[in-house]
């Protein structure tokens, strides 16, 4: 499995089906109004966690993907997806609405994408629905989501094998967010070098929680 981050909460997950084919999942493609660019993407499955424009640019994704945009259980080409309700919380006293947390099971790996989660902690019902997590994609930029210290609490609840921070400040991003450094400091791991892609197999999962910083 190859995992690529394009900024904000947008990921491209490439899953091998056999030696000649692969399935591609795209999560939360963003509008170009936020200062970042999206590369050309073609997907088999497209996940949208909520209807804010930095998460729902479905027209940017080519092909004829199976669109999932809310809670429920789905199976597409041996990929299992569960959508779980979550809260976007509020910003400057304005309610931001609901989000969908997604779990994805493919290639024997279980991924959890927390979208723009803005809860102090996950509820018992959410934890039960999410279950065990191999790879956790967690927002850390604050303001509209949990910040670095709050993300640490969520990580402690889920105890994933790999953590990929997302939704934080990047050059040219027009949204005011904390940098990833705040999160890494809270986790006591400030010397992590970023990488362009995470290539991982189930048998290569670390025994203890590892943070992987991807660069778009």
N, C-alpha and C. Protein backbone atom coordinates (compact mmCIF):
# COMPACT_ATOMS: atom_id res chain seq x y z
N UNK A 1 0.84 -1.19 0.00
CA UNK A 1 0.00 0.00 0.00
C UNK A 1 0.88 1.25 0.00
N UNK A 2 0.53 2.21 -0.85
CA UNK A 2 1.21 3.50 -0.89
C UNK A 2 0.24 4.59 -0.46
N UNK A 3 0.67 5.46 0.45
CA UNK A 3 -0.17 6.55 0.94
C UNK A 3 0.52 7.87 0.64
N UNK A 4 -0.19 8.75 -0.07
CA UNK A 4 0.32 10.05 -0.47
C UNK A 4 -0.59 11.12 0.11
N UNK A 5 0.01 12.18 0.64
CA UNK A 5 -0.76 13.29 1.20
C UNK A 5 -0.61 14.50 0.29
N UNK A 6 -1.74 15.14 -0.03
CA UNK A 6 -1.72 16.29 -0.93
C UNK A 6 -1.96 17.61 -0.21
N UNK A 7 -2.02 17.59 1.14
CA UNK A 7 -2.31 18.79 1.91
C UNK A 7 -3.72 18.74 2.47
N UNK A 8 -3.96 19.59 3.51
CA UNK A 8 -5.22 19.57 4.23
C UNK A 8 -5.56 18.14 4.67
N UNK A 9 -6.72 17.63 4.32
CA UNK A 9 -7.08 16.26 4.71
C UNK A 9 -7.13 15.32 3.51
N UNK A 10 -6.50 15.73 2.41
CA UNK A 10 -6.59 14.98 1.16
C UNK A 10 -5.49 13.93 1.05
N UNK A 11 -5.91 12.68 0.92
CA UNK A 11 -4.97 11.57 0.75
C UNK A 11 -5.32 10.79 -0.50
N UNK A 12 -4.29 10.20 -1.07
CA UNK A 12 -4.43 9.26 -2.18
C UNK A 12 -3.82 7.94 -1.72
N UNK A 13 -4.63 6.90 -1.69
CA UNK A 13 -4.19 5.59 -1.20
C UNK A 13 -4.22 4.61 -2.36
N UNK A 14 -3.09 4.05 -2.67
CA UNK A 14 -2.98 3.11 -3.78
C UNK A 14 -2.81 1.71 -3.22
N UNK A 15 -3.74 0.84 -3.57
CA UNK A 15 -3.80 -0.50 -2.99
C UNK A 15 -3.56 -1.52 -4.08
N UNK A 16 -2.58 -2.40 -3.94
CA UNK A 16 -2.36 -3.41 -4.97
C UNK A 16 -3.48 -4.45 -4.95
N UNK A 17 -4.04 -4.74 -6.14
CA UNK A 17 -5.02 -5.81 -6.27
C UNK A 17 -4.35 -7.10 -6.71
N UNK A 18 -3.47 -6.98 -7.69
CA UNK A 18 -2.62 -8.07 -8.13
C UNK A 18 -1.40 -7.45 -8.79
N UNK A 19 -0.62 -8.22 -9.49
CA UNK A 19 0.63 -7.70 -10.04
C UNK A 19 0.40 -6.62 -11.11
N UNK A 20 -0.76 -6.63 -11.76
CA UNK A 20 -0.99 -5.71 -12.86
C UNK A 20 -1.99 -4.60 -12.53
N UNK A 21 -2.74 -4.76 -11.45
CA UNK A 21 -3.79 -3.80 -11.15
C UNK A 21 -3.63 -3.23 -9.74
N UNK A 22 -4.23 -2.08 -9.53
CA UNK A 22 -4.30 -1.50 -8.20
C UNK A 22 -5.60 -0.73 -8.07
N UNK A 23 -6.07 -0.57 -6.85
CA UNK A 23 -7.22 0.24 -6.55
C UNK A 23 -6.75 1.54 -5.90
N UNK A 24 -7.40 2.63 -6.25
CA UNK A 24 -7.01 3.92 -5.69
C UNK A 24 -8.19 4.55 -4.96
N UNK A 25 -7.91 4.97 -3.73
CA UNK A 25 -8.89 5.68 -2.91
C UNK A 25 -8.41 7.12 -2.76
N UNK A 26 -9.30 8.06 -2.96
CA UNK A 26 -9.00 9.48 -2.70
C UNK A 26 -9.94 9.96 -1.59
N UNK A 27 -9.37 10.70 -0.66
CA UNK A 27 -10.13 11.23 0.47
C UNK A 27 -10.05 12.75 0.47
N UNK A 28 -11.17 13.42 0.57
CA UNK A 28 -11.29 14.86 0.80
C UNK A 28 -10.46 15.74 -0.15
N UNK A 29 -10.71 15.67 -1.46
CA UNK A 29 -10.03 16.60 -2.36
C UNK A 29 -10.52 18.03 -2.11
N UNK A 30 -9.61 18.98 -2.15
CA UNK A 30 -9.95 20.36 -1.78
C UNK A 30 -10.07 21.27 -3.00
N UNK A 31 -10.80 22.36 -2.80
CA UNK A 31 -10.90 23.40 -3.82
C UNK A 31 -9.57 24.12 -3.94
N UNK A 32 -9.31 24.69 -5.10
CA UNK A 32 -8.06 25.42 -5.32
C UNK A 32 -8.09 26.80 -4.69
N UNK A 33 -9.17 27.16 -4.03
CA UNK A 33 -9.30 28.49 -3.42
C UNK A 33 -8.43 28.66 -2.18
N UNK A 34 -7.77 27.61 -1.73
CA UNK A 34 -7.04 27.65 -0.46
C UNK A 34 -5.53 27.78 -0.64
N UNK A 35 -5.09 28.04 -1.86
CA UNK A 35 -3.68 28.30 -2.10
C UNK A 35 -2.84 27.08 -2.44
N UNK A 36 -3.42 25.89 -2.30
CA UNK A 36 -2.70 24.65 -2.61
C UNK A 36 -3.16 24.11 -3.95
N UNK A 37 -2.32 23.31 -4.56
CA UNK A 37 -2.65 22.70 -5.85
C UNK A 37 -2.86 21.19 -5.68
N UNK A 38 -3.81 20.67 -6.42
CA UNK A 38 -4.04 19.23 -6.46
C UNK A 38 -3.43 18.66 -7.74
N UNK A 39 -2.70 17.57 -7.66
CA UNK A 39 -2.23 16.92 -8.89
C UNK A 39 -3.38 16.19 -9.56
N UNK A 40 -3.24 15.81 -10.81
CA UNK A 40 -4.28 15.00 -11.45
C UNK A 40 -4.46 13.68 -10.69
N UNK A 41 -5.70 13.32 -10.40
CA UNK A 41 -5.99 12.09 -9.66
C UNK A 41 -7.15 11.36 -10.32
N UNK A 42 -7.03 10.05 -10.37
CA UNK A 42 -8.10 9.18 -10.81
C UNK A 42 -8.37 8.18 -9.70
N UNK A 43 -9.63 7.99 -9.35
CA UNK A 43 -9.95 7.14 -8.20
C UNK A 43 -10.97 6.07 -8.57
N UNK A 44 -10.90 4.97 -7.82
CA UNK A 44 -11.94 3.94 -7.85
C UNK A 44 -12.97 4.19 -6.75
N UNK A 45 -12.49 4.75 -5.63
CA UNK A 45 -13.35 5.07 -4.49
C UNK A 45 -13.02 6.48 -4.04
N UNK A 46 -14.03 7.30 -3.80
CA UNK A 46 -13.84 8.68 -3.37
C UNK A 46 -14.62 8.91 -2.08
N UNK A 47 -13.92 9.35 -1.05
CA UNK A 47 -14.54 9.63 0.24
C UNK A 47 -14.57 11.14 0.48
N UNK A 48 -15.72 11.63 0.90
CA UNK A 48 -15.88 13.03 1.29
C UNK A 48 -16.40 13.05 2.72
N UNK A 49 -15.64 13.70 3.60
CA UNK A 49 -15.99 13.64 5.02
C UNK A 49 -17.01 14.69 5.43
N UNK A 50 -17.08 15.81 4.70
CA UNK A 50 -18.12 16.81 4.95
C UNK A 50 -18.11 17.81 3.80
N UNK A 51 -19.10 18.70 3.80
CA UNK A 51 -19.34 19.53 2.63
C UNK A 51 -18.70 20.91 2.69
N UNK A 52 -17.58 21.05 3.38
CA UNK A 52 -16.81 22.28 3.28
C UNK A 52 -15.93 22.18 2.04
N UNK A 53 -15.66 23.32 1.41
CA UNK A 53 -15.03 23.29 0.09
C UNK A 53 -13.56 22.87 0.09
N UNK A 54 -12.95 22.82 1.27
CA UNK A 54 -11.59 22.28 1.32
C UNK A 54 -11.59 20.77 1.57
N UNK A 55 -12.77 20.14 1.31
CA UNK A 55 -12.89 18.70 1.50
C UNK A 55 -13.75 18.01 0.44
N UNK A 56 -14.46 18.76 -0.37
CA UNK A 56 -15.51 18.14 -1.19
C UNK A 56 -15.39 18.43 -2.70
N UNK A 57 -14.18 18.66 -3.18
CA UNK A 57 -14.02 19.00 -4.60
C UNK A 57 -14.02 17.72 -5.45
N UNK A 58 -15.16 17.09 -5.54
CA UNK A 58 -15.26 15.79 -6.24
C UNK A 58 -14.96 15.93 -7.73
N UNK A 59 -15.19 17.11 -8.29
CA UNK A 59 -14.95 17.30 -9.72
C UNK A 59 -13.47 17.24 -10.08
N UNK A 60 -12.61 17.37 -9.08
CA UNK A 60 -11.17 17.33 -9.33
C UNK A 60 -10.65 15.90 -9.53
N UNK A 61 -11.48 14.92 -9.24
CA UNK A 61 -11.06 13.52 -9.29
C UNK A 61 -11.64 12.87 -10.55
N UNK A 62 -10.76 12.33 -11.37
CA UNK A 62 -11.19 11.73 -12.64
C UNK A 62 -11.61 10.27 -12.44
N UNK A 63 -12.10 9.69 -13.53
CA UNK A 63 -12.62 8.34 -13.48
C UNK A 63 -14.09 8.35 -13.10
N UNK A 64 -14.59 7.20 -12.73
CA UNK A 64 -15.96 7.08 -12.26
C UNK A 64 -15.96 6.42 -10.88
N UNK A 65 -15.43 7.16 -9.89
CA UNK A 65 -15.28 6.56 -8.56
C UNK A 65 -16.61 6.32 -7.86
N UNK A 66 -16.63 5.32 -7.01
CA UNK A 66 -17.77 5.09 -6.11
C UNK A 66 -17.68 6.14 -5.01
N UNK A 67 -18.67 7.00 -4.92
CA UNK A 67 -18.65 8.12 -3.98
C UNK A 67 -19.29 7.72 -2.66
N UNK A 68 -18.55 7.98 -1.57
CA UNK A 68 -19.06 7.77 -0.21
C UNK A 68 -18.96 9.11 0.49
N UNK A 69 -20.09 9.62 0.98
CA UNK A 69 -20.09 10.96 1.57
C UNK A 69 -20.88 11.04 2.87
N UNK A 70 -20.92 9.95 3.62
CA UNK A 70 -21.62 9.99 4.89
C UNK A 70 -21.53 8.69 5.65
N UNK A 71 -22.11 8.66 6.85
CA UNK A 71 -22.06 7.46 7.68
C UNK A 71 -22.71 6.25 7.01
N UNK A 72 -22.23 5.07 7.40
CA UNK A 72 -22.76 3.83 6.87
C UNK A 72 -21.65 2.83 6.65
N UNK A 73 -22.00 1.66 6.16
CA UNK A 73 -21.03 0.61 5.86
C UNK A 73 -21.06 0.30 4.37
N UNK A 74 -19.87 0.20 3.79
CA UNK A 74 -19.77 0.04 2.35
C UNK A 74 -18.70 -1.00 2.02
N UNK A 75 -18.92 -1.74 0.93
CA UNK A 75 -17.92 -2.66 0.41
C UNK A 75 -17.80 -2.43 -1.09
N UNK A 76 -16.58 -2.12 -1.54
CA UNK A 76 -16.33 -1.86 -2.96
C UNK A 76 -15.03 -2.56 -3.35
N UNK A 77 -15.13 -3.58 -4.18
CA UNK A 77 -13.94 -4.27 -4.71
C UNK A 77 -13.00 -4.72 -3.59
N UNK A 78 -13.57 -5.38 -2.59
CA UNK A 78 -12.80 -5.90 -1.45
C UNK A 78 -12.18 -4.81 -0.59
N UNK A 79 -12.68 -3.61 -0.70
CA UNK A 79 -12.32 -2.53 0.21
C UNK A 79 -13.54 -2.26 1.10
N UNK A 80 -13.33 -2.28 2.41
CA UNK A 80 -14.42 -2.11 3.36
C UNK A 80 -14.31 -0.74 4.03
N UNK A 81 -15.37 0.04 3.93
CA UNK A 81 -15.38 1.40 4.47
C UNK A 81 -16.53 1.54 5.45
N UNK A 82 -16.24 2.17 6.58
CA UNK A 82 -17.29 2.50 7.54
C UNK A 82 -17.24 3.99 7.80
N UNK A 83 -18.38 4.66 7.70
CA UNK A 83 -18.50 6.07 8.04
C UNK A 83 -19.14 6.22 9.40
N UNK A 84 -18.51 7.03 10.25
CA UNK A 84 -18.93 7.17 11.65
C UNK A 84 -19.17 8.66 11.93
N UNK A 85 -20.32 9.03 12.48
CA UNK A 85 -20.59 10.45 12.74
C UNK A 85 -19.60 11.05 13.74
N UNK A 86 -19.20 12.30 13.46
CA UNK A 86 -18.32 13.03 14.36
C UNK A 86 -18.67 14.51 14.34
N UNK A 87 -18.03 15.29 15.19
CA UNK A 87 -18.34 16.71 15.32
C UNK A 87 -17.19 17.58 14.83
N UNK A 88 -17.55 18.59 14.02
CA UNK A 88 -16.61 19.61 13.57
C UNK A 88 -16.48 20.71 14.62
N UNK A 89 -17.33 20.69 15.61
CA UNK A 89 -17.25 21.67 16.69
C UNK A 89 -17.63 23.06 16.23
N UNK A 90 -16.96 24.07 16.80
CA UNK A 90 -17.27 25.46 16.48
C UNK A 90 -15.99 26.26 16.34
N UNK A 91 -16.10 27.40 15.67
CA UNK A 91 -14.98 28.33 15.52
C UNK A 91 -15.54 29.74 15.65
N UNK A 92 -14.96 30.48 16.61
CA UNK A 92 -15.44 31.84 16.89
C UNK A 92 -16.95 31.85 17.08
N UNK A 93 -17.43 30.89 17.89
CA UNK A 93 -18.83 30.75 18.30
C UNK A 93 -19.75 30.34 17.16
N UNK A 94 -19.19 29.99 16.02
CA UNK A 94 -20.00 29.53 14.90
C UNK A 94 -19.91 28.02 14.80
N UNK A 95 -21.05 27.35 14.81
CA UNK A 95 -21.06 25.90 14.70
C UNK A 95 -20.65 25.48 13.29
N UNK A 96 -19.76 24.52 13.22
CA UNK A 96 -19.22 24.09 11.93
C UNK A 96 -19.91 22.84 11.39
N UNK A 97 -20.77 22.23 12.19
CA UNK A 97 -21.56 21.11 11.69
C UNK A 97 -20.96 19.75 12.01
N UNK A 98 -21.36 18.78 11.23
CA UNK A 98 -20.94 17.40 11.45
C UNK A 98 -19.90 16.98 10.41
N UNK A 99 -19.14 15.97 10.77
CA UNK A 99 -18.18 15.36 9.86
C UNK A 99 -18.42 13.84 9.87
N UNK A 100 -17.77 13.15 8.94
CA UNK A 100 -17.78 11.70 8.95
C UNK A 100 -16.35 11.20 9.14
N UNK A 101 -16.15 10.44 10.19
CA UNK A 101 -14.89 9.71 10.40
C UNK A 101 -14.96 8.45 9.55
N UNK A 102 -13.89 8.12 8.87
CA UNK A 102 -13.90 6.91 8.05
C UNK A 102 -12.86 5.89 8.53
N UNK A 103 -13.26 4.64 8.56
CA UNK A 103 -12.30 3.55 8.64
C UNK A 103 -12.29 2.83 7.29
N UNK A 104 -11.10 2.42 6.89
CA UNK A 104 -10.90 1.76 5.60
C UNK A 104 -10.10 0.49 5.85
N UNK A 105 -10.62 -0.63 5.40
CA UNK A 105 -9.89 -1.88 5.50
C UNK A 105 -9.56 -2.37 4.10
N UNK A 106 -8.26 -2.49 3.83
CA UNK A 106 -7.79 -2.95 2.52
C UNK A 106 -6.36 -3.45 2.66
N UNK A 107 -6.00 -4.45 1.88
CA UNK A 107 -4.64 -4.99 1.88
C UNK A 107 -4.22 -5.41 3.31
N UNK A 108 -5.21 -5.89 4.08
CA UNK A 108 -5.00 -6.36 5.46
C UNK A 108 -4.63 -5.23 6.43
N UNK A 109 -4.80 -3.99 6.01
CA UNK A 109 -4.46 -2.82 6.82
C UNK A 109 -5.73 -2.04 7.14
N UNK A 110 -5.84 -1.56 8.37
CA UNK A 110 -7.01 -0.78 8.80
C UNK A 110 -6.59 0.67 9.03
N UNK A 111 -7.19 1.57 8.27
CA UNK A 111 -6.90 2.99 8.32
C UNK A 111 -8.07 3.72 8.96
N UNK A 112 -7.78 4.76 9.72
CA UNK A 112 -8.82 5.64 10.24
C UNK A 112 -8.47 7.08 9.87
N UNK A 113 -9.40 7.74 9.18
CA UNK A 113 -9.26 9.15 8.79
C UNK A 113 -10.25 9.95 9.63
N UNK A 114 -9.72 10.86 10.46
CA UNK A 114 -10.56 11.56 11.43
C UNK A 114 -11.19 12.84 10.91
N UNK A 115 -10.96 13.18 9.63
CA UNK A 115 -11.56 14.37 9.05
C UNK A 115 -11.22 15.60 9.90
N UNK A 116 -12.12 16.57 9.96
CA UNK A 116 -11.89 17.78 10.75
C UNK A 116 -12.43 17.60 12.17
N UNK A 117 -12.01 16.56 12.81
CA UNK A 117 -12.49 16.27 14.16
C UNK A 117 -12.16 17.42 15.10
N UNK A 118 -13.17 17.87 15.84
CA UNK A 118 -12.95 18.94 16.81
C UNK A 118 -13.67 18.58 18.11
N UNK A 119 -13.36 17.40 18.59
CA UNK A 119 -13.85 16.92 19.88
C UNK A 119 -12.66 16.76 20.82
N UNK A 120 -12.87 16.99 22.08
CA UNK A 120 -11.79 16.84 23.06
C UNK A 120 -11.37 15.39 23.19
N UNK A 121 -12.31 14.48 22.95
CA UNK A 121 -12.00 13.06 22.96
C UNK A 121 -13.08 12.32 22.17
N UNK A 122 -12.76 11.12 21.75
CA UNK A 122 -13.72 10.29 21.07
C UNK A 122 -14.68 9.67 22.09
N UNK A 123 -15.93 9.51 21.70
CA UNK A 123 -16.91 8.92 22.59
C UNK A 123 -16.74 7.40 22.63
N UNK A 124 -17.28 6.75 23.65
CA UNK A 124 -17.22 5.29 23.68
C UNK A 124 -17.84 4.65 22.44
N UNK A 125 -18.92 5.24 21.93
CA UNK A 125 -19.56 4.70 20.73
C UNK A 125 -18.65 4.84 19.52
N UNK A 126 -17.97 5.96 19.39
CA UNK A 126 -17.04 6.15 18.27
C UNK A 126 -15.86 5.18 18.37
N UNK A 127 -15.34 5.02 19.57
CA UNK A 127 -14.21 4.11 19.76
C UNK A 127 -14.59 2.68 19.39
N UNK A 128 -15.79 2.28 19.77
CA UNK A 128 -16.24 0.93 19.44
C UNK A 128 -16.39 0.76 17.93
N UNK A 129 -16.92 1.77 17.26
CA UNK A 129 -17.12 1.69 15.81
C UNK A 129 -15.79 1.71 15.06
N UNK A 130 -14.84 2.49 15.55
CA UNK A 130 -13.54 2.58 14.88
C UNK A 130 -12.75 1.29 15.06
N UNK A 131 -12.72 0.76 16.26
CA UNK A 131 -11.99 -0.48 16.53
C UNK A 131 -10.49 -0.29 16.49
N UNK A 132 -9.78 -1.36 16.22
CA UNK A 132 -8.31 -1.31 16.17
C UNK A 132 -7.86 -0.56 14.92
N UNK A 133 -6.77 0.20 15.07
CA UNK A 133 -6.30 1.05 13.98
C UNK A 133 -4.82 0.77 13.71
N UNK A 134 -4.51 0.51 12.45
CA UNK A 134 -3.11 0.41 12.04
C UNK A 134 -2.54 1.79 11.72
N UNK A 135 -3.26 2.56 10.90
CA UNK A 135 -2.80 3.87 10.47
C UNK A 135 -3.86 4.91 10.79
N UNK A 136 -3.47 5.94 11.53
CA UNK A 136 -4.39 7.00 11.92
C UNK A 136 -4.00 8.30 11.23
N UNK A 137 -4.95 8.91 10.53
CA UNK A 137 -4.77 10.22 9.92
C UNK A 137 -5.50 11.22 10.79
N UNK A 138 -4.76 12.10 11.46
CA UNK A 138 -5.34 12.95 12.50
C UNK A 138 -5.02 14.42 12.22
N UNK A 139 -6.04 15.31 12.32
CA UNK A 139 -5.78 16.74 12.17
C UNK A 139 -5.03 17.28 13.38
N UNK A 140 -4.14 18.26 13.16
CA UNK A 140 -3.35 18.79 14.27
C UNK A 140 -3.24 20.31 14.25
N UNK A 141 -3.89 20.97 13.28
CA UNK A 141 -3.67 22.40 13.07
C UNK A 141 -4.45 23.34 13.95
N UNK A 142 -5.40 22.82 14.74
CA UNK A 142 -6.18 23.68 15.63
C UNK A 142 -7.17 24.55 14.88
N UNK A 143 -7.76 25.51 15.59
CA UNK A 143 -8.78 26.44 15.09
C UNK A 143 -10.05 25.70 14.69
N UNK A 144 -10.02 24.99 13.56
CA UNK A 144 -11.19 24.29 13.05
C UNK A 144 -11.21 22.82 13.45
N UNK A 145 -10.12 22.35 14.03
CA UNK A 145 -9.97 20.95 14.43
C UNK A 145 -9.27 20.88 15.78
N UNK A 146 -9.01 19.68 16.23
CA UNK A 146 -8.15 19.53 17.41
C UNK A 146 -6.76 20.08 17.10
N UNK A 147 -6.07 20.54 18.12
CA UNK A 147 -4.70 21.01 17.93
C UNK A 147 -3.72 19.90 18.29
N UNK A 148 -2.44 20.21 18.31
CA UNK A 148 -1.42 19.19 18.54
C UNK A 148 -1.56 18.46 19.86
N UNK A 149 -1.82 19.20 20.94
CA UNK A 149 -1.95 18.57 22.25
C UNK A 149 -3.23 17.75 22.34
N UNK A 150 -4.30 18.26 21.77
CA UNK A 150 -5.56 17.51 21.79
C UNK A 150 -5.47 16.26 20.92
N UNK A 151 -4.73 16.35 19.82
CA UNK A 151 -4.53 15.18 18.96
C UNK A 151 -3.82 14.07 19.72
N UNK A 152 -2.90 14.45 20.58
CA UNK A 152 -2.18 13.46 21.38
C UNK A 152 -3.16 12.64 22.23
N UNK A 153 -4.17 13.29 22.78
CA UNK A 153 -5.16 12.58 23.60
C UNK A 153 -5.96 11.58 22.75
N UNK A 154 -6.31 11.98 21.53
CA UNK A 154 -7.04 11.09 20.63
C UNK A 154 -6.18 9.88 20.27
N UNK A 155 -4.90 10.14 20.03
CA UNK A 155 -3.97 9.06 19.71
C UNK A 155 -3.89 8.07 20.87
N UNK A 156 -3.84 8.59 22.08
CA UNK A 156 -3.77 7.71 23.25
C UNK A 156 -5.03 6.86 23.38
N UNK A 157 -6.16 7.38 22.94
CA UNK A 157 -7.40 6.60 22.98
C UNK A 157 -7.36 5.44 21.99
N UNK A 158 -6.81 5.68 20.80
CA UNK A 158 -6.87 4.69 19.72
C UNK A 158 -5.65 3.77 19.66
N UNK A 159 -4.50 4.24 20.13
CA UNK A 159 -3.27 3.46 20.14
C UNK A 159 -2.95 2.85 18.76
N UNK A 160 -2.87 3.69 17.72
CA UNK A 160 -2.57 3.17 16.38
C UNK A 160 -1.10 2.78 16.26
N UNK A 161 -0.79 2.04 15.21
CA UNK A 161 0.59 1.65 14.95
C UNK A 161 1.37 2.78 14.27
N UNK A 162 0.70 3.49 13.36
CA UNK A 162 1.30 4.62 12.64
C UNK A 162 0.35 5.80 12.72
N UNK A 163 0.91 7.00 12.93
CA UNK A 163 0.14 8.25 12.96
C UNK A 163 0.64 9.16 11.85
N UNK A 164 -0.28 9.64 11.02
CA UNK A 164 0.05 10.62 9.99
C UNK A 164 -0.69 11.92 10.31
N UNK A 165 0.02 12.99 10.71
CA UNK A 165 -0.66 14.26 10.96
C UNK A 165 -1.11 14.90 9.66
N UNK A 166 -2.21 15.66 9.74
CA UNK A 166 -2.76 16.33 8.56
C UNK A 166 -3.43 17.62 9.00
N UNK A 167 -3.91 18.40 8.03
CA UNK A 167 -4.67 19.62 8.28
C UNK A 167 -3.89 20.57 9.19
N UNK A 168 -2.69 20.94 8.73
CA UNK A 168 -1.86 21.91 9.45
C UNK A 168 -1.27 22.92 8.45
N UNK A 169 -0.58 23.92 8.97
CA UNK A 169 -0.07 25.01 8.14
C UNK A 169 0.94 24.52 7.11
N UNK A 170 0.77 25.00 5.88
CA UNK A 170 1.70 24.73 4.79
C UNK A 170 2.00 26.04 4.07
N UNK A 171 3.16 26.16 3.41
CA UNK A 171 3.41 27.34 2.60
C UNK A 171 2.30 27.53 1.56
N UNK A 172 1.85 28.74 1.39
CA UNK A 172 0.81 29.14 0.42
C UNK A 172 -0.61 28.81 0.88
N UNK A 173 -0.78 28.01 1.94
CA UNK A 173 -2.13 27.74 2.43
C UNK A 173 -2.73 29.01 3.00
N UNK A 174 -3.94 29.34 2.58
CA UNK A 174 -4.56 30.60 2.99
C UNK A 174 -5.31 30.49 4.32
N UNK A 175 -5.43 29.29 4.87
CA UNK A 175 -6.09 29.10 6.15
C UNK A 175 -5.06 29.19 7.27
N UNK A 176 -5.40 29.90 8.33
CA UNK A 176 -4.46 30.10 9.44
C UNK A 176 -4.52 28.91 10.40
N UNK A 177 -3.51 28.04 10.33
CA UNK A 177 -3.44 26.85 11.18
C UNK A 177 -2.08 26.77 11.86
N UNK A 178 -2.01 25.99 12.93
CA UNK A 178 -0.72 25.71 13.55
C UNK A 178 0.13 24.86 12.62
N UNK A 179 1.45 24.97 12.77
CA UNK A 179 2.34 24.10 12.03
C UNK A 179 2.42 22.72 12.67
N UNK A 180 2.94 21.76 11.94
CA UNK A 180 3.07 20.40 12.46
C UNK A 180 4.05 20.34 13.62
N UNK A 181 4.93 21.34 13.74
CA UNK A 181 5.93 21.34 14.80
C UNK A 181 5.29 21.33 16.19
N UNK A 182 4.14 22.00 16.31
CA UNK A 182 3.44 22.03 17.60
C UNK A 182 3.02 20.63 18.02
N UNK A 183 2.53 19.88 17.07
CA UNK A 183 2.12 18.50 17.34
C UNK A 183 3.33 17.63 17.67
N UNK A 184 4.38 17.74 16.89
CA UNK A 184 5.57 16.92 17.12
C UNK A 184 6.18 17.21 18.49
N UNK A 185 6.15 18.47 18.90
CA UNK A 185 6.66 18.83 20.22
C UNK A 185 5.83 18.19 21.32
N UNK A 186 4.50 18.22 21.13
CA UNK A 186 3.61 17.60 22.12
C UNK A 186 3.86 16.10 22.23
N UNK A 187 4.25 15.48 21.11
CA UNK A 187 4.52 14.05 21.09
C UNK A 187 5.96 13.72 21.47
N UNK A 188 6.78 14.76 21.68
CA UNK A 188 8.17 14.54 22.04
C UNK A 188 9.00 13.97 20.91
N UNK A 189 8.63 14.29 19.65
CA UNK A 189 9.34 13.76 18.49
C UNK A 189 9.54 14.87 17.46
N UNK A 190 10.43 15.79 17.77
CA UNK A 190 10.61 16.98 16.94
C UNK A 190 11.60 16.79 15.79
N UNK A 191 12.26 15.66 15.73
CA UNK A 191 13.33 15.49 14.75
C UNK A 191 12.94 14.54 13.61
N UNK A 192 11.65 14.44 13.31
CA UNK A 192 11.18 13.53 12.26
C UNK A 192 11.35 14.18 10.90
N UNK A 193 11.97 13.48 9.98
CA UNK A 193 12.15 13.98 8.63
C UNK A 193 10.95 13.57 7.78
N UNK A 194 10.41 14.52 7.03
CA UNK A 194 9.24 14.24 6.20
C UNK A 194 9.62 13.39 4.99
N UNK A 195 8.63 12.72 4.42
CA UNK A 195 8.85 11.87 3.26
C UNK A 195 7.69 12.04 2.29
N UNK A 196 7.89 11.79 0.99
CA UNK A 196 6.84 12.04 0.01
C UNK A 196 5.74 10.99 -0.03
N UNK A 197 6.04 9.77 0.40
CA UNK A 197 5.06 8.70 0.34
C UNK A 197 5.34 7.68 1.43
N UNK A 198 4.30 7.09 1.98
CA UNK A 198 4.45 5.98 2.92
C UNK A 198 4.14 4.69 2.18
N UNK A 199 5.15 3.84 2.07
CA UNK A 199 4.97 2.52 1.47
C UNK A 199 4.97 1.51 2.60
N UNK A 200 3.88 0.79 2.77
CA UNK A 200 3.74 -0.05 3.95
C UNK A 200 2.99 -1.33 3.63
N UNK A 201 3.39 -2.41 4.29
CA UNK A 201 2.68 -3.68 4.26
C UNK A 201 2.32 -4.05 5.69
N UNK A 202 1.31 -4.90 5.83
CA UNK A 202 0.85 -5.27 7.16
C UNK A 202 1.99 -5.82 8.01
N UNK A 203 2.84 -6.64 7.43
CA UNK A 203 3.91 -7.27 8.20
C UNK A 203 5.00 -6.29 8.62
N UNK A 204 4.97 -5.08 8.04
CA UNK A 204 6.00 -4.09 8.37
C UNK A 204 5.53 -3.08 9.42
N UNK A 205 4.34 -3.27 9.97
CA UNK A 205 3.83 -2.35 10.97
C UNK A 205 4.72 -2.33 12.21
N UNK A 206 5.04 -1.16 12.74
CA UNK A 206 5.88 -1.09 13.94
C UNK A 206 5.17 -1.64 15.16
N UNK A 207 5.95 -2.11 16.11
CA UNK A 207 5.38 -2.66 17.34
C UNK A 207 4.81 -1.56 18.23
N UNK A 208 5.43 -0.38 18.20
CA UNK A 208 4.96 0.76 18.98
C UNK A 208 4.56 1.90 18.04
N UNK A 209 3.76 2.82 18.55
CA UNK A 209 3.25 3.90 17.73
C UNK A 209 4.37 4.73 17.12
N UNK A 210 4.30 4.91 15.81
CA UNK A 210 5.31 5.67 15.06
C UNK A 210 4.62 6.81 14.32
N UNK A 211 5.24 7.98 14.33
CA UNK A 211 4.71 9.12 13.60
C UNK A 211 5.41 9.22 12.25
N UNK A 212 4.61 9.36 11.20
CA UNK A 212 5.14 9.55 9.85
C UNK A 212 4.63 10.89 9.34
N UNK A 213 5.55 11.78 9.00
CA UNK A 213 5.19 13.08 8.45
C UNK A 213 5.37 13.03 6.94
N UNK A 214 4.27 13.24 6.22
CA UNK A 214 4.32 13.26 4.76
C UNK A 214 4.38 14.70 4.27
N UNK A 215 5.01 14.91 3.14
CA UNK A 215 5.03 16.24 2.53
C UNK A 215 4.31 16.18 1.19
N UNK A 216 3.48 17.17 0.92
CA UNK A 216 2.72 17.16 -0.33
C UNK A 216 3.60 17.56 -1.53
